[in-house]
Amino acid sequence: MIATFSIACQGPVEYVIKEVPTPVYVELNPKLTADVLPPPLPPYGCTDAKGRVTICNRELVDWLNGYDGQLGVCRAQLGHIRDLQPKPEGGPQP
């Protein structure tokens, strides 16, 4: 839209109204930004071949499986955050 007005002796003044795209920020659900804590480290209840105190195999496997589960929660949160991001117009969609 263009409008032209005359102001006293200064000559015509032209007003141009333009739309400027601005980013819109939406607050994320607190569940998506919640900290995901690793599982607690199991106790050192066994000894290795050299007599050093170490974590027993079964407890270590359980701890690693729990750690992988927590990693899955983190990756799911990041996936949900990525899904909320604006998609490029006309470009490839993820």
PDB file of N, CA and C in Angstrom:
ATOM      1  N   MET A   1       0.853  -1.171   0.000  1.00  0.00           N
ATOM      2  CA  MET A   1       0.000   0.000   0.000  1.00  0.00           C
ATOM      3  C   MET A   1       0.899   1.233   0.000  1.00  0.00           C
ATOM      4  N   ILE A   2       0.681   2.121  -0.921  1.00  0.00           N
ATOM      5  CA  ILE A   2       1.463   3.344  -1.021  1.00  0.00           C
ATOM      6  C   ILE A   2       0.504   4.526  -0.981  1.00  0.00           C
ATOM      7  N   ALA A   3       0.798   5.469  -0.094  1.00  0.00           N
ATOM      8  CA  ALA A   3      -0.027   6.671   0.016  1.00  0.00           C
ATOM      9  C   ALA A   3       0.892   7.882  -0.134  1.00  0.00           C
ATOM     10  N   THR A   4       0.437   8.885  -0.857  1.00  0.00           N
ATOM     11  CA  THR A   4       1.225  10.091  -1.072  1.00  0.00           C
ATOM     12  C   THR A   4       0.484  11.269  -0.460  1.00  0.00           C
ATOM     13  N   PHE A   5       1.204  12.042   0.358  1.00  0.00           N
ATOM     14  CA  PHE A   5       0.623  13.218   0.992  1.00  0.00           C
ATOM     15  C   PHE A   5       1.538  14.398   0.732  1.00  0.00           C
ATOM     16  N   SER A   6       1.003  15.604   0.773  1.00  0.00           N
ATOM     17  CA  SER A   6       1.797  16.812   0.607  1.00  0.00           C
ATOM     18  C   SER A   6       1.849  17.533   1.947  1.00  0.00           C
ATOM     19  N   ILE A   7       3.068  17.839   2.424  1.00  0.00           N
ATOM     20  CA  ILE A   7       3.225  18.518   3.708  1.00  0.00           C
ATOM     21  C   ILE A   7       3.866  19.876   3.447  1.00  0.00           C
ATOM     22  N   ALA A   8       3.100  20.914   3.635  1.00  0.00           N
ATOM     23  CA  ALA A   8       3.542  22.313   3.494  1.00  0.00           C
ATOM     24  C   ALA A   8       4.463  22.479   2.290  1.00  0.00           C
ATOM     25  N   CYS A   9       5.667  22.989   2.477  1.00  0.00           N
ATOM     26  CA  CYS A   9       6.568  23.281   1.384  1.00  0.00           C
ATOM     27  C   CYS A   9       7.603  22.172   1.163  1.00  0.00           C
ATOM     28  N   GLN A  10       7.472  21.075   1.825  1.00  0.00           N
ATOM     29  CA  GLN A  10       8.486  20.038   1.720  1.00  0.00           C
ATOM     30  C   GLN A  10       8.268  19.126   0.522  1.00  0.00           C
ATOM     31  N   GLY A  11       7.198  19.250  -0.134  1.00  0.00           N
ATOM     32  CA  GLY A  11       6.931  18.402  -1.278  1.00  0.00           C
ATOM     33  C   GLY A  11       6.192  17.129  -0.847  1.00  0.00           C
ATOM     34  N   PRO A  12       5.976  16.229  -1.775  1.00  0.00           N
ATOM     35  CA  PRO A  12       5.216  15.030  -1.450  1.00  0.00           C
ATOM     36  C   PRO A  12       6.018  14.066  -0.552  1.00  0.00           C
ATOM     37  N   VAL A  13       5.297  13.436   0.344  1.00  0.00           N
ATOM     38  CA  VAL A  13       5.880  12.431   1.232  1.00  0.00           C
ATOM     39  C   VAL A  13       5.224  11.107   0.896  1.00  0.00           C
ATOM     40  N   GLU A  14       6.027  10.115   0.723  1.00  0.00           N
ATOM     41  CA  GLU A  14       5.494   8.808   0.356  1.00  0.00           C
ATOM     42  C   GLU A  14       5.656   7.854   1.540  1.00  0.00           C
ATOM     43  N   TYR A  15       4.573   7.218   1.925  1.00  0.00           N
ATOM     44  CA  TYR A  15       4.596   6.227   2.997  1.00  0.00           C
ATOM     45  C   TYR A  15       4.466   4.852   2.365  1.00  0.00           C
ATOM     46  N   VAL A  16       5.377   3.973   2.702  1.00  0.00           N
ATOM     47  CA  VAL A  16       5.346   2.603   2.191  1.00  0.00           C
ATOM     48  C   VAL A  16       5.226   1.667   3.394  1.00  0.00           C
ATOM     49  N   ILE A  17       4.225   0.839   3.354  1.00  0.00           N
ATOM     50  CA  ILE A  17       4.027  -0.140   4.424  1.00  0.00           C
ATOM     51  C   ILE A  17       4.482  -1.495   3.904  1.00  0.00           C
ATOM     52  N   LYS A  18       5.423  -2.099   4.630  1.00  0.00           N
ATOM     53  CA  LYS A  18       5.937  -3.397   4.213  1.00  0.00           C
ATOM     54  C   LYS A  18       5.757  -4.391   5.351  1.00  0.00           C
ATOM     55  N   GLU A  19       5.500  -5.613   4.971  1.00  0.00           N
ATOM     56  CA  GLU A  19       5.439  -6.677   5.954  1.00  0.00           C
ATOM     57  C   GLU A  19       6.839  -7.263   6.109  1.00  0.00           C
ATOM     58  N   VAL A  20       7.276  -7.359   7.349  1.00  0.00           N
ATOM     59  CA  VAL A  20       8.604  -7.897   7.646  1.00  0.00           C
ATOM     60  C   VAL A  20       8.406  -9.180   8.445  1.00  0.00           C
ATOM     61  N   PRO A  21       8.905 -10.301   7.920  1.00  0.00           N
ATOM     62  CA  PRO A  21       8.746 -11.546   8.679  1.00  0.00           C
ATOM     63  C   PRO A  21       9.583 -11.502   9.962  1.00  0.00           C
ATOM     64  N   THR A  22       8.974 -11.903  11.046  1.00  0.00           N
ATOM     65  CA  THR A  22       9.683 -11.949  12.319  1.00  0.00           C
ATOM     66  C   THR A  22       9.555 -13.348  12.903  1.00  0.00           C
ATOM     67  N   PRO A  23      10.610 -13.813  13.544  1.00  0.00           N
ATOM     68  CA  PRO A  23      10.531 -15.149  14.141  1.00  0.00           C
ATOM     69  C   PRO A  23       9.558 -15.158  15.313  1.00  0.00           C
ATOM     70  N   VAL A  24       8.868 -16.256  15.455  1.00  0.00           N
ATOM     71  CA  VAL A  24       7.936 -16.429  16.565  1.00  0.00           C
ATOM     72  C   VAL A  24       8.509 -17.512  17.462  1.00  0.00           C
ATOM     73  N   TYR A  25       8.644 -17.198  18.728  1.00  0.00           N
ATOM     74  CA  TYR A  25       9.181 -18.154  19.687  1.00  0.00           C
ATOM     75  C   TYR A  25       8.051 -18.674  20.563  1.00  0.00           C
ATOM     76  N   VAL A  26       8.008 -19.966  20.691  1.00  0.00           N
ATOM     77  CA  VAL A  26       6.996 -20.606  21.511  1.00  0.00           C
ATOM     78  C   VAL A  26       7.723 -21.312  22.653  1.00  0.00           C
ATOM     79  N   GLU A  27       7.208 -21.134  23.854  1.00  0.00           N
ATOM     80  CA  GLU A  27       7.838 -21.769  24.998  1.00  0.00           C
ATOM     81  C   GLU A  27       7.689 -23.285  24.885  1.00  0.00           C
ATOM     82  N   LEU A  28       8.781 -23.988  25.166  1.00  0.00           N
ATOM     83  CA  LEU A  28       8.763 -25.443  25.104  1.00  0.00           C
ATOM     84  C   LEU A  28       8.121 -26.023  26.348  1.00  0.00           C
ATOM     85  N   ASN A  29       7.519 -27.161  26.175  1.00  0.00           N
ATOM     86  CA  ASN A  29       6.958 -27.902  27.289  1.00  0.00           C
ATOM     87  C   ASN A  29       8.104 -28.247  28.241  1.00  0.00           C
ATOM     88  N   PRO A  30       7.958 -28.017  29.543  1.00  0.00           N
ATOM     89  CA  PRO A  30       9.037 -28.319  30.482  1.00  0.00           C
ATOM     90  C   PRO A  30       9.498 -29.779  30.437  1.00  0.00           C
ATOM     91  N   LYS A  31       8.638 -30.683  30.013  1.00  0.00           N
ATOM     92  CA  LYS A  31       9.046 -32.084  29.902  1.00  0.00           C
ATOM     93  C   LYS A  31      10.135 -32.257  28.843  1.00  0.00           C
ATOM     94  N   LEU A  32      10.149 -31.382  27.833  1.00  0.00           N
ATOM     95  CA  LEU A  32      11.147 -31.493  26.765  1.00  0.00           C
ATOM     96  C   LEU A  32      12.506 -30.953  27.176  1.00  0.00           C
ATOM     97  N   THR A  33      12.531 -30.099  28.189  1.00  0.00           N
ATOM     98  CA  THR A  33      13.798 -29.523  28.611  1.00  0.00           C
ATOM     99  C   THR A  33      14.241 -30.042  29.976  1.00  0.00           C
ATOM    100  N   ALA A  34      13.497 -30.990  30.522  1.00  0.00           N
ATOM    101  CA  ALA A  34      13.856 -31.549  31.835  1.00  0.00           C
ATOM    102  C   ALA A  34      15.169 -32.318  31.728  1.00  0.00           C
ATOM    103  N   ASP A  35      15.969 -32.225  32.763  1.00  0.00           N
ATOM    104  CA  ASP A  35      17.242 -32.937  32.796  1.00  0.00           C
ATOM    105  C   ASP A  35      16.982 -34.429  32.961  1.00  0.00           C
ATOM    106  N   VAL A  36      17.716 -35.218  32.233  1.00  0.00           N
ATOM    107  CA  VAL A  36      17.609 -36.672  32.330  1.00  0.00           C
ATOM    108  C   VAL A  36      18.882 -37.166  33.002  1.00  0.00           C
ATOM    109  N   LEU A  37      18.730 -37.638  34.214  1.00  0.00           N
ATOM    110  CA  LEU A  37      19.891 -38.071  34.986  1.00  0.00           C
ATOM    111  C   LEU A  37      20.277 -39.501  34.631  1.00  0.00           C
ATOM    112  N   PRO A  38      21.572 -39.780  34.624  1.00  0.00           N
ATOM    113  CA  PRO A  38      21.993 -41.162  34.373  1.00  0.00           C
ATOM    114  C   PRO A  38      21.638 -42.031  35.577  1.00  0.00           C
ATOM    115  N   PRO A  39      21.519 -43.320  35.367  1.00  0.00           N
ATOM    116  CA  PRO A  39      21.235 -44.196  36.505  1.00  0.00           C
ATOM    117  C   PRO A  39      22.425 -44.193  37.473  1.00  0.00           C
ATOM    118  N   PRO A  40      22.157 -44.432  38.751  1.00  0.00           N
ATOM    119  CA  PRO A  40      23.271 -44.431  39.710  1.00  0.00           C
ATOM    120  C   PRO A  40      24.253 -45.566  39.424  1.00  0.00           C
ATOM    121  N   LEU A  41      25.505 -45.279  39.621  1.00  0.00           N
ATOM    122  CA  LEU A  41      26.553 -46.266  39.391  1.00  0.00           C
ATOM    123  C   LEU A  41      26.415 -47.402  40.408  1.00  0.00           C
ATOM    124  N   PRO A  42      26.473 -48.628  39.950  1.00  0.00           N
ATOM    125  CA  PRO A  42      26.326 -49.745  40.895  1.00  0.00           C
ATOM    126  C   PRO A  42      27.541 -49.845  41.822  1.00  0.00           C
ATOM    127  N   PRO A  43      27.368 -50.505  42.953  1.00  0.00           N
ATOM    128  CA  PRO A  43      28.480 -50.627  43.893  1.00  0.00           C
ATOM    129  C   PRO A  43      29.581 -51.542  43.354  1.00  0.00           C
ATOM    130  N   TYR A  44      30.761 -51.323  43.858  1.00  0.00           N
ATOM    131  CA  TYR A  44      31.903 -52.170  43.500  1.00  0.00           C
ATOM    132  C   TYR A  44      31.868 -53.391  44.424  1.00  0.00           C
ATOM    133  N   GLY A  45      31.264 -54.482  43.949  1.00  0.00           N
ATOM    134  CA  GLY A  45      31.071 -55.651  44.793  1.00  0.00           C
ATOM    135  C   GLY A  45      31.877 -56.859  44.383  1.00  0.00           C
ATOM    136  N   CYS A  46      32.715 -56.728  43.375  1.00  0.00           N
ATOM    137  CA  CYS A  46      33.505 -57.863  42.889  1.00  0.00           C
ATOM    138  C   CYS A  46      34.974 -57.464  42.802  1.00  0.00           C
ATOM    139  N   THR A  47      35.802 -58.421  42.519  1.00  0.00           N
ATOM    140  CA  THR A  47      37.220 -58.157  42.292  1.00  0.00           C
ATOM    141  C   THR A  47      37.623 -58.774  40.957  1.00  0.00           C
ATOM    142  N   ASP A  48      38.569 -58.133  40.280  1.00  0.00           N
ATOM    143  CA  ASP A  48      39.031 -58.665  39.002  1.00  0.00           C
ATOM    144  C   ASP A  48      40.186 -59.645  39.233  1.00  0.00           C
ATOM    145  N   ALA A  49      40.803 -60.112  38.160  1.00  0.00           N
ATOM    146  CA  ALA A  49      41.859 -61.123  38.244  1.00  0.00           C
ATOM    147  C   ALA A  49      43.096 -60.621  38.994  1.00  0.00           C
ATOM    148  N   LYS A  50      43.286 -59.292  39.010  1.00  0.00           N
ATOM    149  CA  LYS A  50      44.449 -58.734  39.711  1.00  0.00           C
ATOM    150  C   LYS A  50      44.116 -58.335  41.146  1.00  0.00           C
ATOM    151  N   GLY A  51      42.901 -58.666  41.593  1.00  0.00           N
ATOM    152  CA  GLY A  51      42.507 -58.367  42.964  1.00  0.00           C
ATOM    153  C   GLY A  51      41.970 -56.966  43.171  1.00  0.00           C
ATOM    154  N   ARG A  52      41.736 -56.202  42.102  1.00  0.00           N
ATOM    155  CA  ARG A  52      41.194 -54.844  42.225  1.00  0.00           C
ATOM    156  C   ARG A  52      39.683 -54.916  42.380  1.00  0.00           C
ATOM    157  N   VAL A  53      39.143 -54.030  43.201  1.00  0.00           N
ATOM    158  CA  VAL A  53      37.699 -53.973  43.399  1.00  0.00           C
ATOM    159  C   VAL A  53      37.064 -53.396  42.136  1.00  0.00           C
ATOM    160  N   THR A  54      35.989 -54.017  41.661  1.00  0.00           N
ATOM    161  CA  THR A  54      35.336 -53.583  40.424  1.00  0.00           C
ATOM    162  C   THR A  54      33.836 -53.858  40.510  1.00  0.00           C
ATOM    163  N   ILE A  55      33.138 -53.453  39.493  1.00  0.00           N
ATOM    164  CA  ILE A  55      31.687 -53.681  39.414  1.00  0.00           C
ATOM    165  C   ILE A  55      31.463 -55.085  38.868  1.00  0.00           C
ATOM    166  N   CYS A  56      30.520 -55.794  39.465  1.00  0.00           N
ATOM    167  CA  CYS A  56      30.197 -57.141  38.987  1.00  0.00           C
ATOM    168  C   CYS A  56      29.563 -57.058  37.601  1.00  0.00           C
ATOM    169  N   ASN A  57      29.780 -58.088  36.802  1.00  0.00           N
ATOM    170  CA  ASN A  57      29.314 -58.084  35.411  1.00  0.00           C
ATOM    171  C   ASN A  57      27.811 -57.855  35.289  1.00  0.00           C
ATOM    172  N   ARG A  58      27.007 -58.563  36.061  1.00  0.00           N
ATOM    173  CA  ARG A  58      25.549 -58.441  35.940  1.00  0.00           C
ATOM    174  C   ARG A  58      25.104 -57.020  36.267  1.00  0.00           C
ATOM    175  N   GLU A  59      25.661 -56.427  37.324  1.00  0.00           N
ATOM    176  CA  GLU A  59      25.292 -55.061  37.710  1.00  0.00           C
ATOM    177  C   GLU A  59      25.746 -54.059  36.647  1.00  0.00           C
ATOM    178  N   LEU A  60      26.912 -54.324  36.063  1.00  0.00           N
ATOM    179  CA  LEU A  60      27.402 -53.436  35.010  1.00  0.00           C
ATOM    180  C   LEU A  60      26.494 -53.485  33.785  1.00  0.00           C
ATOM    181  N   VAL A  61      26.057 -54.684  33.411  1.00  0.00           N
ATOM    182  CA  VAL A  61      25.146 -54.822  32.267  1.00  0.00           C
ATOM    183  C   VAL A  61      23.829 -54.108  32.557  1.00  0.00           C
ATOM    184  N   ASP A  62      23.305 -54.282  33.762  1.00  0.00           N
ATOM    185  CA  ASP A  62      22.053 -53.601  34.120  1.00  0.00           C
ATOM    186  C   ASP A  62      22.227 -52.082  34.087  1.00  0.00           C
ATOM    187  N   TRP A  63      23.385 -51.607  34.579  1.00  0.00           N
ATOM    188  CA  TRP A  63      23.637 -50.169  34.577  1.00  0.00           C
ATOM    189  C   TRP A  63      23.738 -49.641  33.147  1.00  0.00           C
ATOM    190  N   LEU A  64      24.446 -50.358  32.283  1.00  0.00           N
ATOM    191  CA  LEU A  64      24.567 -49.927  30.890  1.00  0.00           C
ATOM    192  C   LEU A  64      23.216 -49.940  30.178  1.00  0.00           C
ATOM    193  N   ASN A  65      22.387 -50.922  30.462  1.00  0.00           N
ATOM    194  CA  ASN A  65      21.037 -50.952  29.869  1.00  0.00           C
ATOM    195  C   ASN A  65      20.208 -49.769  30.361  1.00  0.00           C
ATOM    196  N   GLY A  66      20.328 -49.447  31.644  1.00  0.00           N
ATOM    197  CA  GLY A  66      19.631 -48.270  32.175  1.00  0.00           C
ATOM    198  C   GLY A  66      20.144 -46.988  31.549  1.00  0.00           C
ATOM    199  N   TYR A  67      21.453 -46.926  31.344  1.00  0.00           N
ATOM    200  CA  TYR A  67      22.058 -45.755  30.717  1.00  0.00           C
ATOM    201  C   TYR A  67      21.536 -45.596  29.284  1.00  0.00           C
ATOM    202  N   ASP A  68      21.466 -46.713  28.560  1.00  0.00           N
ATOM    203  CA  ASP A  68      20.925 -46.669  27.194  1.00  0.00           C
ATOM    204  C   ASP A  68      19.469 -46.219  27.198  1.00  0.00           C
ATOM    205  N   GLY A  69      18.705 -46.637  28.204  1.00  0.00           N
ATOM    206  CA  GLY A  69      17.309 -46.201  28.317  1.00  0.00           C
ATOM    207  C   GLY A  69      17.203 -44.699  28.523  1.00  0.00           C
ATOM    208  N   GLN A  70      18.058 -44.152  29.383  1.00  0.00           N
ATOM    209  CA  GLN A  70      18.060 -42.710  29.619  1.00  0.00           C
ATOM    210  C   GLN A  70      18.494 -41.949  28.369  1.00  0.00           C
ATOM    211  N   LEU A  71      19.446 -42.511  27.637  1.00  0.00           N
ATOM    212  CA  LEU A  71      19.868 -41.903  26.379  1.00  0.00           C
ATOM    213  C   LEU A  71      18.699 -41.875  25.388  1.00  0.00           C
ATOM    214  N   GLY A  72      17.905 -42.929  25.377  1.00  0.00           N
ATOM    215  CA  GLY A  72      16.721 -42.963  24.518  1.00  0.00           C
ATOM    216  C   GLY A  72      15.731 -41.866  24.875  1.00  0.00           C
ATOM    217  N   VAL A  73      15.570 -41.591  26.174  1.00  0.00           N
ATOM    218  CA  VAL A  73      14.683 -40.508  26.613  1.00  0.00           C
ATOM    219  C   VAL A  73      15.210 -39.171  26.100  1.00  0.00           C
ATOM    220  N   CYS A  74      16.516 -38.947  26.213  1.00  0.00           N
ATOM    221  CA  CYS A  74      17.126 -37.697  25.730  1.00  0.00           C
ATOM    222  C   CYS A  74      16.927 -37.538  24.222  1.00  0.00           C
ATOM    223  N   ARG A  75      17.146 -38.624  23.493  1.00  0.00           N
ATOM    224  CA  ARG A  75      16.998 -38.556  22.035  1.00  0.00           C
ATOM    225  C   ARG A  75      15.546 -38.299  21.646  1.00  0.00           C
ATOM    226  N   ALA A  76      14.606 -38.854  22.384  1.00  0.00           N
ATOM    227  CA  ALA A  76      13.187 -38.600  22.107  1.00  0.00           C
ATOM    228  C   ALA A  76      12.851 -37.127  22.366  1.00  0.00           C
ATOM    229  N   GLN A  77      13.386 -36.561  23.463  1.00  0.00           N
ATOM    230  CA  GLN A  77      13.159 -35.147  23.746  1.00  0.00           C
ATOM    231  C   GLN A  77      13.694 -34.277  22.615  1.00  0.00           C
ATOM    232  N   LEU A  78      14.897 -34.573  22.145  1.00  0.00           N
ATOM    233  CA  LEU A  78      15.471 -33.793  21.042  1.00  0.00           C
ATOM    234  C   LEU A  78      14.643 -33.946  19.773  1.00  0.00           C
ATOM    235  N   GLY A  79      14.134 -35.146  19.534  1.00  0.00           N
ATOM    236  CA  GLY A  79      13.284 -35.357  18.363  1.00  0.00           C
ATOM    237  C   GLY A  79      12.014 -34.526  18.427  1.00  0.00           C
ATOM    238  N   HIS A  80      11.390 -34.450  19.617  1.00  0.00           N
ATOM    239  CA  HIS A  80      10.189 -33.626  19.770  1.00  0.00           C
ATOM    240  C   HIS A  80      10.509 -32.142  19.578  1.00  0.00           C
ATOM    241  N   ILE A  81      11.666 -31.721  20.086  1.00  0.00           N
ATOM    242  CA  ILE A  81      12.065 -30.320  19.905  1.00  0.00           C
ATOM    243  C   ILE A  81      12.294 -30.030  18.427  1.00  0.00           C
ATOM    244  N   ARG A  82      12.957 -30.946  17.715  1.00  0.00           N
ATOM    245  CA  ARG A  82      13.169 -30.754  16.267  1.00  0.00           C
ATOM    246  C   ARG A  82      11.842 -30.685  15.522  1.00  0.00           C
ATOM    247  N   ASP A  83      10.869 -31.487  15.932  1.00  0.00           N
ATOM    248  CA  ASP A  83       9.564 -31.469  15.273  1.00  0.00           C
ATOM    249  C   ASP A  83       8.853 -30.133  15.451  1.00  0.00           C
ATOM    250  N   LEU A  84       9.157 -29.419  16.529  1.00  0.00           N
ATOM    251  CA  LEU A  84       8.519 -28.130  16.784  1.00  0.00           C
ATOM    252  C   LEU A  84       9.177 -26.978  16.022  1.00  0.00           C
ATOM    253  N   GLN A  85      10.345 -27.220  15.446  1.00  0.00           N
ATOM    254  CA  GLN A  85      11.050 -26.162  14.718  1.00  0.00           C
ATOM    255  C   GLN A  85      10.304 -25.839  13.430  1.00  0.00           C
ATOM    256  N   PRO A  86      10.336 -24.560  13.015  1.00  0.00           N
ATOM    257  CA  PRO A  86       9.687 -24.200  11.745  1.00  0.00           C
ATOM    258  C   PRO A  86      10.351 -24.930  10.573  1.00  0.00           C
ATOM    259  N   LYS A  87       9.553 -25.340   9.639  1.00  0.00           N
ATOM    260  CA  LYS A  87      10.053 -26.052   8.463  1.00  0.00           C
ATOM    261  C   LYS A  87      10.349 -25.038   7.359  1.00  0.00           C
ATOM    262  N   PRO A  88      11.438 -25.204   6.624  1.00  0.00           N
ATOM    263  CA  PRO A  88      11.742 -24.273   5.527  1.00  0.00           C
ATOM    264  C   PRO A  88      10.689 -24.390   4.429  1.00  0.00           C
ATOM    265  N   GLU A  89      10.245 -23.252   3.937  1.00  0.00           N
ATOM    266  CA  GLU A  89       9.236 -23.255   2.884  1.00  0.00           C
ATOM    267  C   GLU A  89       9.874 -23.601   1.559  1.00  0.00           C
ATOM    268  N   GLY A  90       9.319 -24.560   0.863  1.00  0.00           N
ATOM    269  CA  GLY A  90       9.802 -24.928  -0.451  1.00  0.00           C
ATOM    270  C   GLY A  90      11.044 -25.787  -0.433  1.00  0.00           C
ATOM    271  N   GLY A  91      11.616 -26.003   0.722  1.00  0.00           N
ATOM    272  CA  GLY A  91      12.837 -26.799   0.817  1.00  0.00           C
ATOM    273  C   GLY A  91      12.510 -28.238   1.182  1.00  0.00           C
ATOM    274  N   PRO A  92      13.525 -29.037   1.315  1.00  0.00           N
ATOM    275  CA  PRO A  92      13.300 -30.427   1.692  1.00  0.00           C
ATOM    276  C   PRO A  92      12.797 -30.528   3.127  1.00  0.00           C
ATOM    277  N   GLN A  93      11.861 -31.387   3.347  1.00  0.00           N
ATOM    278  CA  GLN A  93      11.306 -31.591   4.675  1.00  0.00           C
ATOM    279  C   GLN A  93      12.046 -32.739   5.356  1.00  0.00           C
ATOM    280  N   PRO A  94      12.447 -32.526   6.621  1.00  0.00           N
ATOM    281  CA  PRO A  94      13.173 -33.598   7.318  1.00  0.00           C
ATOM    282  C   PRO A  94      12.284 -34.783   7.608  1.00  0.00           C
TER     283      PRO A  94
END
